[in-house]
Protein backbone atom coordinates (compact mmCIF):
# COMPACT_ATOMS: atom_id res chain seq x y z
CA MET A 1 198.61 -22.36 47.26
CA ASN A 2 196.88 -19.61 45.01
CA THR A 3 198.02 -16.32 45.22
CA GLU A 4 195.28 -13.79 46.44
CA THR A 5 193.99 -11.09 44.23
CA VAL A 6 192.48 -7.88 45.18
CA ASP A 7 191.46 -4.85 43.24
CA VAL A 8 193.36 -2.36 45.23
CA ALA A 9 196.71 -2.76 47.48
CA VAL A 10 196.99 0.37 49.83
CA ILE A 11 200.81 0.79 50.85
CA GLY A 12 200.56 2.46 54.24
CA ALA A 13 197.97 2.77 57.17
CA GLY A 14 198.35 6.52 58.01
CA PRO A 15 195.85 9.30 57.47
CA TYR A 16 196.02 9.24 53.62
CA GLY A 17 196.12 5.40 53.34
CA LEU A 18 193.21 5.01 55.29
CA SER A 19 191.18 7.53 53.88
CA VAL A 20 191.84 6.08 50.36
CA ALA A 21 190.90 2.85 51.69
CA ALA A 22 187.64 4.10 52.90
CA TYR A 23 186.83 5.56 49.95
CA ALA A 24 187.67 2.59 47.77
CA ILE A 25 185.81 0.29 50.09
CA SER A 26 182.67 2.45 49.60
CA ALA A 27 183.00 2.47 45.94
CA GLY A 28 182.91 -1.62 46.00
CA LEU A 29 186.55 -2.24 45.28
CA GLU A 30 188.02 -5.23 47.06
CA THR A 31 190.73 -3.32 49.04
CA GLN A 32 193.59 -4.52 51.48
CA VAL A 33 195.78 -1.93 53.27
CA PHE A 34 199.25 -2.90 54.39
CA GLY A 35 200.83 -1.52 57.39
CA GLN A 36 200.37 -0.85 61.13
CA PRO A 37 197.72 1.69 61.48
CA MET A 38 198.94 5.27 62.65
CA ASN A 39 202.47 3.81 63.01
CA ALA A 40 204.34 6.89 61.89
CA TRP A 41 202.31 9.22 64.34
CA ASP A 42 202.36 6.59 67.06
CA LYS A 43 206.18 5.94 66.97
CA HIS A 44 207.75 8.44 65.04
CA MET A 45 206.28 11.66 67.10
CA PRO A 46 207.52 12.70 70.20
CA THR A 47 205.18 12.23 73.28
CA GLY A 48 203.39 14.99 74.45
CA MET A 49 203.31 16.94 70.80
CA LEU A 50 200.49 18.70 69.84
CA LEU A 51 199.13 19.08 66.30
CA LYS A 52 199.91 22.30 64.59
CA SER A 53 196.66 22.03 62.41
CA GLU A 54 193.35 23.22 63.71
CA PRO A 55 191.02 20.41 64.76
CA PHE A 56 188.64 21.14 61.77
CA ALA A 57 191.78 20.51 59.53
CA SER A 58 192.59 17.23 61.21
CA HIS A 59 189.83 14.90 59.96
CA LEU A 60 190.50 11.60 58.13
CA ALA A 61 188.03 11.27 55.04
CA ASP A 62 185.29 8.73 54.46
CA PRO A 63 182.79 9.44 51.73
CA ALA A 64 179.69 10.03 54.36
CA GLY A 65 181.83 12.28 56.78
CA ASP A 66 180.77 10.35 59.52
CA PHE A 67 183.89 9.28 61.08
CA THR A 68 185.73 12.81 61.56
CA LEU A 69 187.90 14.09 64.43
CA ALA A 70 184.97 15.79 65.66
CA ALA A 71 182.60 12.85 65.76
CA TYR A 72 185.46 10.92 67.62
CA CYS A 73 185.84 13.58 70.22
CA ARG A 74 182.05 13.78 70.88
CA SER A 75 181.84 10.22 71.34
CA HIS A 76 184.70 9.83 73.59
CA GLY A 77 183.94 13.00 75.69
CA PHE A 78 187.06 15.00 74.43
CA PRO A 79 187.15 18.82 73.94
CA TYR A 80 186.99 19.83 70.22
CA ALA A 81 187.29 23.45 69.35
CA TYR A 82 188.95 26.09 67.19
CA ALA A 83 192.48 27.28 68.65
CA ARG A 84 192.65 24.30 71.13
CA PRO A 85 195.45 22.07 69.83
CA THR A 86 195.12 18.10 69.58
CA PRO A 87 197.56 15.91 71.30
CA VAL A 88 199.28 13.46 69.15
CA GLU A 89 198.14 10.73 71.54
CA ARG A 90 194.35 11.45 71.09
CA PHE A 91 195.02 11.82 67.22
CA VAL A 92 196.52 8.37 66.94
CA ASP A 93 193.75 6.91 69.04
CA TYR A 94 191.29 8.46 66.56
CA GLY A 95 192.87 7.45 63.44
CA LYS A 96 192.82 3.75 64.85
CA TRP A 97 189.11 4.39 65.56
CA PHE A 98 188.35 5.48 61.93
CA CYS A 99 190.21 2.39 60.80
CA GLU A 100 187.93 0.25 62.86
CA GLN A 101 184.96 2.27 61.52
CA ALA A 102 185.69 3.02 57.91
CA VAL A 103 188.17 0.29 57.02
CA GLN A 104 187.40 -2.57 59.42
CA ASP A 105 189.06 -5.85 58.52
CA ARG A 106 190.74 -4.89 55.31
CA VAL A 107 193.93 -3.81 57.19
CA THR A 108 196.94 -6.48 57.37
CA PRO A 109 199.17 -4.82 59.95
CA VAL A 110 202.32 -6.19 58.23
CA ASN A 111 205.08 -4.27 56.15
CA VAL A 112 205.37 -4.25 52.71
CA VAL A 113 208.97 -5.48 51.24
CA ASP A 114 208.73 -5.30 47.87
CA VAL A 115 206.20 -4.40 44.77
CA ALA A 116 206.65 -5.74 41.21
CA LYS A 117 204.43 -5.54 38.32
CA GLN A 118 204.10 -8.06 35.73
CA ASP A 119 201.56 -7.42 32.92
CA GLU A 120 198.53 -5.99 34.41
CA LEU A 121 199.02 -7.23 37.89
CA PHE A 122 201.25 -5.83 40.63
CA THR A 123 202.67 -8.39 43.20
CA VAL A 124 202.81 -7.19 46.63
CA THR A 125 205.36 -9.14 48.97
CA LEU A 126 205.13 -8.88 52.72
CA GLU A 127 207.80 -9.30 55.35
CA THR A 128 206.18 -12.51 56.19
CA GLY A 129 206.77 -13.85 52.78
CA ARG A 130 203.15 -13.82 51.93
CA GLN A 131 202.19 -12.31 48.26
CA VAL A 132 199.20 -10.68 47.36
CA ARG A 133 198.31 -9.43 43.54
CA ALA A 134 196.55 -6.22 42.86
CA ARG A 135 194.96 -4.67 39.89
CA ALA A 136 196.13 -1.33 41.33
CA VAL A 137 198.37 0.00 43.90
CA VAL A 138 198.24 2.97 46.11
CA LEU A 139 201.52 4.36 47.62
CA ALA A 140 200.76 6.19 50.72
CA VAL A 141 204.16 5.70 52.60
CA GLY A 142 203.89 9.02 54.46
CA PHE A 143 206.93 11.38 55.46
CA LEU A 144 209.27 8.66 56.84
CA PRO A 145 211.12 7.71 53.73
CA PHE A 146 211.98 11.56 52.97
CA ALA A 147 213.77 12.87 56.20
CA ARG A 148 216.26 15.08 55.16
CA ILE A 149 219.79 15.09 56.93
CA PRO A 150 221.97 18.30 56.05
CA ALA A 151 225.33 17.27 54.62
CA ALA A 152 227.44 18.69 57.53
CA LEU A 153 225.74 16.05 59.66
CA ALA A 154 225.67 13.03 57.34
CA SER A 155 228.71 11.39 58.76
CA LEU A 156 227.67 11.31 62.26
CA PRO A 157 226.95 7.89 63.73
CA SER A 158 223.39 7.09 64.66
CA SER A 159 224.27 7.04 68.29
CA VAL A 160 224.66 10.84 68.46
CA LEU A 161 222.24 11.81 65.37
CA ALA A 162 218.55 11.36 65.16
CA HIS A 163 216.32 13.10 62.74
CA SER A 164 213.16 14.42 64.48
CA CYS A 165 210.98 11.83 62.81
CA GLN A 166 213.08 9.26 64.93
CA LEU A 167 211.96 10.64 68.16
CA ASN A 168 209.37 9.31 70.37
CA ASP A 169 210.05 8.90 74.26
CA LEU A 170 212.32 11.77 75.01
CA SER A 171 213.09 10.62 78.42
CA CYS A 172 216.17 9.09 77.01
CA TYR A 173 217.89 12.41 76.51
CA ALA A 174 217.29 13.43 80.47
CA GLY A 175 220.37 15.23 81.57
CA GLU A 176 222.26 15.72 78.05
CA LYS A 177 223.18 18.59 76.06
CA VAL A 178 221.08 18.24 72.99
CA ALA A 179 221.73 20.44 69.97
CA VAL A 180 218.64 20.93 67.79
CA ILE A 181 219.09 22.17 64.07
CA GLY A 182 216.08 23.89 62.64
CA ALA A 183 213.81 26.98 62.98
CA GLY A 184 210.33 25.51 62.21
CA GLN A 185 207.66 23.86 64.48
CA SER A 186 209.38 20.55 64.61
CA ALA A 187 212.73 21.93 66.00
CA ILE A 188 211.06 24.43 68.35
CA GLU A 189 208.52 22.15 69.85
CA THR A 190 211.11 19.45 70.26
CA ALA A 191 213.65 21.80 72.14
CA CYS A 192 210.54 22.48 74.42
CA LEU A 193 209.83 18.84 74.98
CA LEU A 194 213.24 18.19 75.54
CA GLN A 195 213.62 20.69 78.07
CA GLU A 196 210.52 19.44 79.90
CA ALA A 197 212.03 16.10 79.62
CA GLY A 198 215.11 16.92 81.80
CA ALA A 199 217.54 17.62 78.83
CA TYR A 200 219.45 20.77 77.86
CA PRO A 201 218.53 21.73 74.57
CA HIS A 202 220.11 24.29 72.44
CA LEU A 203 218.63 25.42 69.32
CA ILE A 204 220.56 26.17 66.13
CA ALA A 205 219.29 28.13 62.95
CA ARG A 206 220.21 29.86 60.10
CA THR A 207 217.59 32.43 60.37
CA ALA A 208 218.51 35.49 62.32
CA ALA A 209 214.84 35.43 64.31
CA LEU A 210 212.59 32.91 64.82
CA LYS A 211 208.96 33.24 63.30
CA TRP A 212 206.02 32.44 65.44
CA ASN A 213 202.49 31.93 64.25
CA GLU A 214 199.82 34.64 65.46
CA THR A 215 197.29 33.76 68.28
CA PRO A 216 194.35 32.64 66.12
CA VAL A 217 190.97 34.71 66.70
CA GLU A 218 187.82 32.46 66.58
CA GLU A 219 185.17 35.51 65.99
CA ARG A 220 186.02 37.56 63.10
CA SER A 221 184.07 40.45 61.45
CA MET A 222 182.34 39.85 57.86
CA LEU A 223 184.95 42.01 56.47
CA ALA A 224 187.88 39.81 57.95
CA ARG A 225 186.70 36.83 56.72
CA CYS A 226 186.10 38.34 53.37
CA LEU A 227 189.47 39.45 53.04
CA ALA A 228 191.23 36.63 54.62
CA PRO A 229 189.10 33.47 54.42
CA ARG A 230 189.89 30.66 56.80
CA SER A 231 191.24 27.35 55.39
CA GLY A 232 192.95 24.37 56.43
CA LEU A 233 196.47 26.02 55.49
CA GLY A 234 195.43 29.30 57.44
CA ALA A 235 193.81 32.48 56.66
CA GLY A 236 193.92 34.31 53.43
CA TRP A 237 193.13 33.79 49.80
CA ARG A 238 196.38 32.49 48.59
CA SER A 239 196.20 29.81 51.31
CA TRP A 240 192.61 28.99 50.82
CA VAL A 241 193.26 28.22 47.06
CA TRP A 242 196.13 26.15 48.08
CA SER A 243 194.33 24.34 50.73
CA GLU A 244 190.78 24.06 49.17
CA ARG A 245 191.48 23.94 45.13
CA PRO A 246 194.61 21.72 44.85
CA ALA A 247 193.56 20.63 41.62
CA LEU A 248 194.40 24.08 40.38
CA VAL A 249 198.00 23.72 41.62
CA ARG A 250 198.91 20.94 39.28
CA HIS A 251 198.51 23.35 36.23
CA LEU A 252 201.19 25.60 37.43
CA PRO A 253 204.93 24.94 36.08
CA ALA A 254 206.96 22.79 38.27
CA ARG A 255 209.24 25.13 39.42
CA VAL A 256 206.48 27.36 40.64
CA ARG A 257 204.68 24.53 42.28
CA ARG A 258 207.98 23.68 43.96
CA ARG A 259 208.45 27.29 45.25
CA ILE A 260 204.77 27.38 46.52
CA VAL A 261 205.45 24.02 48.44
CA ARG A 262 208.88 25.42 49.96
CA THR A 263 207.50 28.82 51.09
CA THR A 264 203.98 28.02 52.10
CA LEU A 265 203.50 27.90 55.85
CA GLY A 266 207.31 28.31 56.13
CA PRO A 267 209.42 27.71 59.17
CA ALA A 268 207.40 29.07 62.30
CA GLY A 269 206.36 28.18 65.77
CA SER A 270 202.75 27.90 66.88
CA TRP A 271 201.71 30.57 69.25
CA TRP A 272 201.24 28.14 72.01
CA LEU A 273 204.86 27.27 72.18
CA LYS A 274 206.33 30.80 72.27
CA ASP A 275 206.01 31.07 76.57
CA ARG A 276 207.19 27.58 76.87
CA PHE A 277 210.46 28.39 74.38
CA THR A 278 211.70 31.45 76.35
CA SER A 279 214.22 29.58 78.43
CA VAL A 280 215.59 27.60 75.45
CA PRO A 281 219.30 28.77 74.46
CA THR A 282 219.67 29.53 70.76
CA SER A 283 222.20 30.31 68.30
CA LEU A 284 220.52 32.31 65.55
CA GLY A 285 221.85 33.28 62.34
CA ALA A 286 224.45 30.51 62.42
CA GLN A 287 225.59 28.43 59.45
CA LEU A 288 226.72 24.52 60.71
CA ARG A 289 230.01 24.02 58.89
CA ARG A 290 231.07 20.70 60.49
CA ALA A 291 230.07 18.14 63.19
CA VAL A 292 233.10 16.21 64.55
CA PRO A 293 232.09 13.15 66.60
CA GLY A 294 234.23 12.33 69.77
CA GLU A 295 232.98 12.33 73.19
CA GLY A 296 229.65 13.45 71.97
CA VAL A 297 229.55 16.02 68.95
CA ASP A 298 231.71 19.32 68.32
CA LEU A 299 229.56 21.33 66.16
CA ARG A 300 231.56 24.07 64.18
CA LEU A 301 229.52 27.10 63.28
CA GLN A 302 229.81 30.61 61.64
CA ASP A 303 227.88 33.71 62.74
CA GLY A 304 226.47 36.35 60.49
CA ALA A 305 229.74 38.27 60.44
CA GLY A 306 231.85 35.40 59.43
CA GLY A 307 232.99 34.62 62.77
CA LEU A 308 233.71 30.97 63.63
CA PHE A 309 232.71 29.41 66.84
CA HIS A 310 232.10 25.74 68.89
CA LEU A 311 229.33 24.20 70.56
CA HIS A 312 229.45 21.07 72.12
CA ALA A 313 226.71 18.52 72.59
CA ASP A 314 226.29 15.17 73.60
CA ARG A 315 223.81 14.54 70.90
CA VAL A 316 222.22 16.21 67.91
CA ILE A 317 218.55 16.17 66.28
CA ALA A 318 218.36 17.21 63.07
CA ALA A 319 214.59 18.76 62.77
CA THR A 320 215.43 19.56 58.94
CA GLY A 321 212.24 18.58 57.22
CA TYR A 322 211.80 16.20 54.22
CA VAL A 323 212.48 15.86 50.63
CA VAL A 324 210.24 14.17 48.01
CA ASP A 325 212.52 11.69 46.09
CA VAL A 326 211.29 8.57 43.93
CA ARG A 327 214.48 7.02 44.62
CA ARG A 328 213.29 6.61 48.35
CA PHE A 329 210.35 4.55 47.11
CA SER A 330 212.30 1.83 48.53
CA VAL A 331 209.26 -0.70 48.52
CA LEU A 332 209.15 -0.55 44.77
CA GLU A 333 211.28 -3.27 42.86
CA PRO A 334 214.30 -1.44 41.35
CA GLY A 335 213.08 -1.76 37.85
CA LEU A 336 209.48 -0.46 38.70
CA ARG A 337 211.11 2.32 40.64
CA ASP A 338 213.25 3.23 37.60
CA SER A 339 209.91 3.53 35.37
CA VAL A 340 208.21 6.35 37.55
CA ALA A 341 208.65 9.41 35.82
CA HIS A 342 209.71 12.28 37.85
CA VAL A 343 210.78 16.06 37.72
CA GLY A 344 213.92 16.70 40.44
CA HIS A 345 213.16 13.29 41.71
CA ALA A 346 209.63 14.02 42.42
CA PRO A 347 207.10 11.56 40.77
CA VAL A 348 204.97 13.25 37.96
CA LEU A 349 201.38 12.52 38.65
CA SER A 350 198.20 12.66 36.56
CA LYS A 351 195.22 14.74 37.72
CA THR A 352 194.10 11.52 39.57
CA PHE A 353 197.21 10.98 41.64
CA GLU A 354 198.46 8.34 38.85
CA SER A 355 202.11 7.83 37.96
CA SER A 356 203.55 7.00 34.91
CA VAL A 357 203.27 3.50 35.89
CA PRO A 358 199.48 2.56 34.88
CA GLY A 359 197.62 1.39 37.98
CA LEU A 360 200.23 2.95 40.49
CA PHE A 361 199.12 5.96 42.33
CA VAL A 362 200.90 7.95 44.73
CA VAL A 363 199.18 10.26 47.69
CA GLY A 364 200.45 12.00 50.69
CA LEU A 365 203.76 14.06 51.12
CA ALA A 366 204.92 12.62 47.95
CA ALA A 367 202.28 14.05 45.93
CA ALA A 368 203.14 17.84 47.19
CA PRO A 369 205.04 18.56 44.36
CA THR A 370 202.31 18.11 42.09
CA PHE A 371 199.05 19.24 44.13
CA GLY A 372 200.85 21.81 46.40
CA PRO A 373 201.48 22.24 50.18
CA VAL A 374 197.98 20.75 51.34
CA MET A 375 199.39 17.33 50.84
CA ARG A 376 201.98 17.82 53.59
CA PHE A 377 199.16 17.96 55.94
CA VAL A 378 196.20 15.72 56.99
CA HIS A 379 193.53 18.11 55.54
CA GLY A 380 194.46 17.13 52.04
CA SER A 381 193.30 13.54 52.78
CA ARG A 382 189.69 14.03 51.51
CA PHE A 383 190.73 15.45 48.19
CA ALA A 384 193.20 12.78 47.59
CA ALA A 385 190.96 9.95 48.56
CA SER A 386 187.82 11.60 46.60
CA THR A 387 190.05 11.86 43.64
CA VAL A 388 191.72 8.61 43.61
CA ALA A 389 188.65 6.45 44.22
CA PRO A 390 186.95 7.01 41.15
CA ALA A 391 190.21 6.43 39.08
CA LEU A 392 190.75 3.10 41.03
CA VAL A 393 187.43 2.11 40.04
CA ALA A 394 188.05 3.12 36.32
CA ARG A 395 191.58 1.33 36.37
CA VAL A 396 190.02 -2.07 37.70
CA SER A 397 186.98 -2.12 35.35
CA GLY A 398 189.31 -1.48 32.40
CA ARG A 399 188.23 2.08 31.47
CA ARG A 400 190.84 4.90 30.82
CA SER A 401 191.07 6.84 33.94
CA SER A 402 193.05 9.97 33.20
CA SER A 403 194.96 11.97 30.52
CA PRO A 404 198.43 10.38 30.09
CA VAL A 405 201.25 11.39 32.51
CA THR A 406 203.62 14.02 30.69
CA VAL A 407 206.98 15.34 31.79
CA GLU A 408 207.26 19.25 30.99
CA PRO A 409 210.11 19.36 28.60
CA SER A 410 211.93 22.59 30.31
CA CYS A 411 211.96 20.85 33.58
CA ARG A 412 213.53 17.32 32.54
């Protein structure tokens, strides 16, 4: 049997993968998306979660702008308004609707287990054993491969430890004491949802005080809008640049980009969580020194004054974020993975999201160290898709699509 050959293979069917596919299909490229549409959002987010991003910053991207979250809500009779958070279940359904409208039958809902390259073609192997050749590959693997577990928790068995991206149905925690590690939206919302599901959460964070986002104001004066324009990452000129001009971020030194990604929209809870969180017990200003499994977990902590104390929990949830690392591109054949140039284990990308491997593009969270914090959010999908698509056309047609990828000597 002859192996099928396509122009573009998109690995991952989340917001970035589907958006890139919509643009590539519109450009006339033979495109195939691999993965279950919206799987990470459907199976790796807790039931009842609300999106932190405003609805206007939660659109997937198609060239004509026909299939926005606003269009979906309008056609399905759902509310769509500023300062009205979107339930994750609705967002998942929206993503699947977008897939049906903009990508249609170009999705194969099967996981990829290996991507290799020989000469000018990539070979994509599915978990079914089927193989597809592609002239270009777009890695849109999302956030799941990059979950960060603190060293103090790394030795705990999976029976008592979960990262927040492994959560879905929280009813299994009912009646249990659950230590939630972290100070950001994920930790705070998880603690609230656990309590509402009948569990007994206890939030532990290094910070001495939790931060909260301000309640948004829809109608602002002309002066306020000029001094602090609204963007997909919030209000303010700095946020506007990171959100609306990510191409500029790439020209900054790597160490500066890393700091921007790390500090922009740092750990904080949404305004609509504050009242729900008031009854959740906390240990703030606490450093986690050790976690000892037994009948549950004994957490050994140190307070700000240097004093040691213990906390017992039945289970632990690490809401401790994500770290981009090319070594976690597990779908890439080892030799191909080793060929991807990186700085601090983050892939080095061209202005069109192309890696040092010709024809291999990287979008989504893995592109944040190059293009800045907007790549951590759905809002960045339009810039990514509209930038990658012309480069894919150029790659498939044999034209040079961008300047060569280079690594800054000072950051090797």
